[in-house]
Amino acid sequence: MLKDNELKNIEGGFSLGVGLLIGGLVTFFIGVIDGYVRPLACR
């Protein structure tokens, strides 16, 4: 069984902040590409 200190020292994996950043960037670029491919006029 791992001790509490050993669990806190484990590094690596995929952090939540990095996942949110990548998801936000992907969403932004999809929106930019969609705006150029299928521009919608203001109503």
PDB file of N, CA and C in Angstrom:
ATOM      1  N   MET A   1       0.842  -1.178   0.000  1.00  0.00           N
ATOM      2  CA  MET A   1       0.000   0.000   0.000  1.00  0.00           C
ATOM      3  C   MET A   1       0.885   1.237   0.000  1.00  0.00           C
ATOM      4  N   LEU A   2       0.533   2.221  -0.839  1.00  0.00           N
ATOM      5  CA  LEU A   2       1.325   3.440  -0.916  1.00  0.00           C
ATOM      6  C   LEU A   2       0.981   4.379   0.235  1.00  0.00           C
ATOM      7  N   LYS A   3       2.001   5.042   0.728  1.00  0.00           N
ATOM      8  CA  LYS A   3       1.792   6.036   1.789  1.00  0.00           C
ATOM      9  C   LYS A   3       1.276   7.325   1.167  1.00  0.00           C
ATOM     10  N   ASP A   4       0.771   8.223   1.992  1.00  0.00           N
ATOM     11  CA  ASP A   4       0.216   9.489   1.522  1.00  0.00           C
ATOM     12  C   ASP A   4       1.265  10.328   0.794  1.00  0.00           C
ATOM     13  N   ASN A   5       2.481  10.363   1.331  1.00  0.00           N
ATOM     14  CA  ASN A   5       3.552  11.136   0.688  1.00  0.00           C
ATOM     15  C   ASN A   5       3.922  10.555  -0.668  1.00  0.00           C
ATOM     16  N   GLU A   6       3.920   9.246  -0.784  1.00  0.00           N
ATOM     17  CA  GLU A   6       4.256   8.612  -2.057  1.00  0.00           C
ATOM     18  C   GLU A   6       3.198   8.910  -3.114  1.00  0.00           C
ATOM     19  N   LEU A   7       1.947   8.963  -2.718  1.00  0.00           N
ATOM     20  CA  LEU A   7       0.874   9.273  -3.672  1.00  0.00           C
ATOM     21  C   LEU A   7       0.984  10.698  -4.194  1.00  0.00           C
ATOM     22  N   LYS A   8       1.392  11.623  -3.331  1.00  0.00           N
ATOM     23  CA  LYS A   8       1.519  13.024  -3.747  1.00  0.00           C
ATOM     24  C   LYS A   8       2.714  13.245  -4.665  1.00  0.00           C
ATOM     25  N   ASN A   9       3.703  12.353  -4.633  1.00  0.00           N
ATOM     26  CA  ASN A   9       4.902  12.514  -5.451  1.00  0.00           C
ATOM     27  C   ASN A   9       4.803  11.840  -6.811  1.00  0.00           C
ATOM     28  N   ILE A  10       3.703  11.175  -7.112  1.00  0.00           N
ATOM     29  CA  ILE A  10       3.536  10.536  -8.417  1.00  0.00           C
ATOM     30  C   ILE A  10       3.319  11.624  -9.459  1.00  0.00           C
ATOM     31  N   GLU A  11       4.128  11.585 -10.528  1.00  0.00           N
ATOM     32  CA  GLU A  11       4.016  12.568 -11.595  1.00  0.00           C
ATOM     33  C   GLU A  11       3.619  11.886 -12.889  1.00  0.00           C
ATOM     34  N   GLY A  12       3.200  12.709 -13.843  1.00  0.00           N
ATOM     35  CA  GLY A  12       2.821  12.174 -15.143  1.00  0.00           C
ATOM     36  C   GLY A  12       1.310  12.145 -15.295  1.00  0.00           C
ATOM     37  N   GLY A  13       0.877  11.564 -16.365  1.00  0.00           N
ATOM     38  CA  GLY A  13      -0.555  11.499 -16.615  1.00  0.00           C
ATOM     39  C   GLY A  13      -1.053  12.727 -17.340  1.00  0.00           C
ATOM     40  N   PHE A  14      -2.321  12.954 -17.270  1.00  0.00           N
ATOM     41  CA  PHE A  14      -2.982  14.015 -18.024  1.00  0.00           C
ATOM     42  C   PHE A  14      -3.736  14.893 -17.045  1.00  0.00           C
ATOM     43  N   SER A  15      -3.326  16.144 -16.894  1.00  0.00           N
ATOM     44  CA  SER A  15      -3.963  17.014 -15.915  1.00  0.00           C
ATOM     45  C   SER A  15      -5.252  17.621 -16.485  1.00  0.00           C
ATOM     46  N   LEU A  16      -6.125  18.017 -15.612  1.00  0.00           N
ATOM     47  CA  LEU A  16      -7.404  18.599 -16.019  1.00  0.00           C
ATOM     48  C   LEU A  16      -7.210  19.921 -16.753  1.00  0.00           C
ATOM     49  N   GLY A  17      -6.281  20.740 -16.282  1.00  0.00           N
ATOM     50  CA  GLY A  17      -6.033  22.035 -16.921  1.00  0.00           C
ATOM     51  C   GLY A  17      -5.574  21.893 -18.361  1.00  0.00           C
ATOM     52  N   VAL A  18      -4.702  20.938 -18.616  1.00  0.00           N
ATOM     53  CA  VAL A  18      -4.215  20.713 -19.978  1.00  0.00           C
ATOM     54  C   VAL A  18      -5.358  20.221 -20.864  1.00  0.00           C
ATOM     55  N   GLY A  19      -6.195  19.361 -20.330  1.00  0.00           N
ATOM     56  CA  GLY A  19      -7.338  18.861 -21.101  1.00  0.00           C
ATOM     57  C   GLY A  19      -8.316  19.961 -21.457  1.00  0.00           C
ATOM     58  N   LEU A  20      -8.584  20.852 -20.505  1.00  0.00           N
ATOM     59  CA  LEU A  20      -9.491  21.967 -20.779  1.00  0.00           C
ATOM     60  C   LEU A  20      -8.888  22.941 -21.784  1.00  0.00           C
ATOM     61  N   LEU A  21      -7.591  23.179 -21.690  1.00  0.00           N
ATOM     62  CA  LEU A  21      -6.925  24.081 -22.627  1.00  0.00           C
ATOM     63  C   LEU A  21      -6.975  23.533 -24.048  1.00  0.00           C
ATOM     64  N   ILE A  22      -6.667  22.255 -24.191  1.00  0.00           N
ATOM     65  CA  ILE A  22      -6.703  21.636 -25.522  1.00  0.00           C
ATOM     66  C   ILE A  22      -8.124  21.636 -26.067  1.00  0.00           C
ATOM     67  N   GLY A  23      -9.109  21.323 -25.225  1.00  0.00           N
ATOM     68  CA  GLY A  23     -10.505  21.338 -25.667  1.00  0.00           C
ATOM     69  C   GLY A  23     -10.961  22.727 -26.087  1.00  0.00           C
ATOM     70  N   GLY A  24     -10.536  23.746 -25.348  1.00  0.00           N
ATOM     71  CA  GLY A  24     -10.898  25.116 -25.700  1.00  0.00           C
ATOM     72  C   GLY A  24     -10.274  25.550 -27.011  1.00  0.00           C
ATOM     73  N   LEU A  25      -9.015  25.198 -27.216  1.00  0.00           N
ATOM     74  CA  LEU A  25      -8.352  25.561 -28.474  1.00  0.00           C
ATOM     75  C   LEU A  25      -8.979  24.851 -29.670  1.00  0.00           C
ATOM     76  N   VAL A  26      -9.306  23.580 -29.502  1.00  0.00           N
ATOM     77  CA  VAL A  26      -9.941  22.830 -30.592  1.00  0.00           C
ATOM     78  C   VAL A  26     -11.298  23.447 -30.932  1.00  0.00           C
ATOM     79  N   THR A  27     -12.073  23.793 -29.908  1.00  0.00           N
ATOM     80  CA  THR A  27     -13.377  24.407 -30.138  1.00  0.00           C
ATOM     81  C   THR A  27     -13.244  25.757 -30.837  1.00  0.00           C
ATOM     82  N   PHE A  28     -12.258  26.552 -30.423  1.00  0.00           N
ATOM     83  CA  PHE A  28     -12.036  27.857 -31.048  1.00  0.00           C
ATOM     84  C   PHE A  28     -11.686  27.710 -32.520  1.00  0.00           C
ATOM     85  N   PHE A  29     -10.759  26.817 -32.840  1.00  0.00           N
ATOM     86  CA  PHE A  29     -10.344  26.662 -34.230  1.00  0.00           C
ATOM     87  C   PHE A  29     -11.448  26.060 -35.090  1.00  0.00           C
ATOM     88  N   ILE A  30     -12.269  25.195 -34.543  1.00  0.00           N
ATOM     89  CA  ILE A  30     -13.418  24.681 -35.295  1.00  0.00           C
ATOM     90  C   ILE A  30     -14.374  25.824 -35.616  1.00  0.00           C
ATOM     91  N   GLY A  31     -14.585  26.732 -34.650  1.00  0.00           N
ATOM     92  CA  GLY A  31     -15.448  27.887 -34.893  1.00  0.00           C
ATOM     93  C   GLY A  31     -14.889  28.824 -35.943  1.00  0.00           C
ATOM     94  N   VAL A  32     -13.586  29.054 -35.938  1.00  0.00           N
ATOM     95  CA  VAL A  32     -12.957  29.923 -36.938  1.00  0.00           C
ATOM     96  C   VAL A  32     -13.075  29.308 -38.325  1.00  0.00           C
ATOM     97  N   ILE A  33     -12.779  28.027 -38.430  1.00  0.00           N
ATOM     98  CA  ILE A  33     -12.869  27.350 -39.734  1.00  0.00           C
ATOM     99  C   ILE A  33     -14.314  27.345 -40.212  1.00  0.00           C
ATOM    100  N   ASP A  34     -15.260  27.094 -39.336  1.00  0.00           N
ATOM    101  CA  ASP A  34     -16.677  27.093 -39.713  1.00  0.00           C
ATOM    102  C   ASP A  34     -17.107  28.483 -40.169  1.00  0.00           C
ATOM    103  N   GLY A  35     -16.567  29.532 -39.549  1.00  0.00           N
ATOM    104  CA  GLY A  35     -16.917  30.889 -39.958  1.00  0.00           C
ATOM    105  C   GLY A  35     -16.423  31.220 -41.353  1.00  0.00           C
ATOM    106  N   TYR A  36     -15.273  30.707 -41.738  1.00  0.00           N
ATOM    107  CA  TYR A  36     -14.766  30.959 -43.091  1.00  0.00           C
ATOM    108  C   TYR A  36     -15.453  30.101 -44.136  1.00  0.00           C
ATOM    109  N   VAL A  37     -15.764  28.867 -43.791  1.00  0.00           N
ATOM    110  CA  VAL A  37     -16.362  27.949 -44.759  1.00  0.00           C
ATOM    111  C   VAL A  37     -17.838  28.268 -44.974  1.00  0.00           C
ATOM    112  N   ARG A  38     -18.540  28.628 -43.882  1.00  0.00           N
ATOM    113  CA  ARG A  38     -19.989  28.825 -43.947  1.00  0.00           C
ATOM    114  C   ARG A  38     -20.358  30.132 -43.245  1.00  0.00           C
ATOM    115  N   PRO A  39     -19.994  31.278 -43.864  1.00  0.00           N
ATOM    116  CA  PRO A  39     -20.278  32.551 -43.209  1.00  0.00           C
ATOM    117  C   PRO A  39     -21.792  32.828 -43.169  1.00  0.00           C
ATOM    118  N   LEU A  40     -22.260  33.293 -42.039  1.00  0.00           N
ATOM    119  CA  LEU A  40     -23.667  33.627 -41.881  1.00  0.00           C
ATOM    120  C   LEU A  40     -23.799  35.146 -41.771  1.00  0.00           C
ATOM    121  N   ALA A  41     -24.722  35.718 -42.514  1.00  0.00           N
ATOM    122  CA  ALA A  41     -24.932  37.167 -42.500  1.00  0.00           C
ATOM    123  C   ALA A  41     -25.620  37.582 -41.213  1.00  0.00           C
ATOM    124  N   CYS A  42     -25.345  38.784 -40.748  1.00  0.00           N
ATOM    125  CA  CYS A  42     -26.019  39.325 -39.578  1.00  0.00           C
ATOM    126  C   CYS A  42     -27.477  39.632 -39.918  1.00  0.00           C
ATOM    127  N   ARG A  43     -28.360  39.363 -38.991  1.00  0.00           N
ATOM    128  CA  ARG A  43     -29.775  39.609 -39.286  1.00  0.00           C
ATOM    129  C   ARG A  43     -30.246  40.862 -38.614  1.00  0.00           C
TER     130      ARG A  43
END
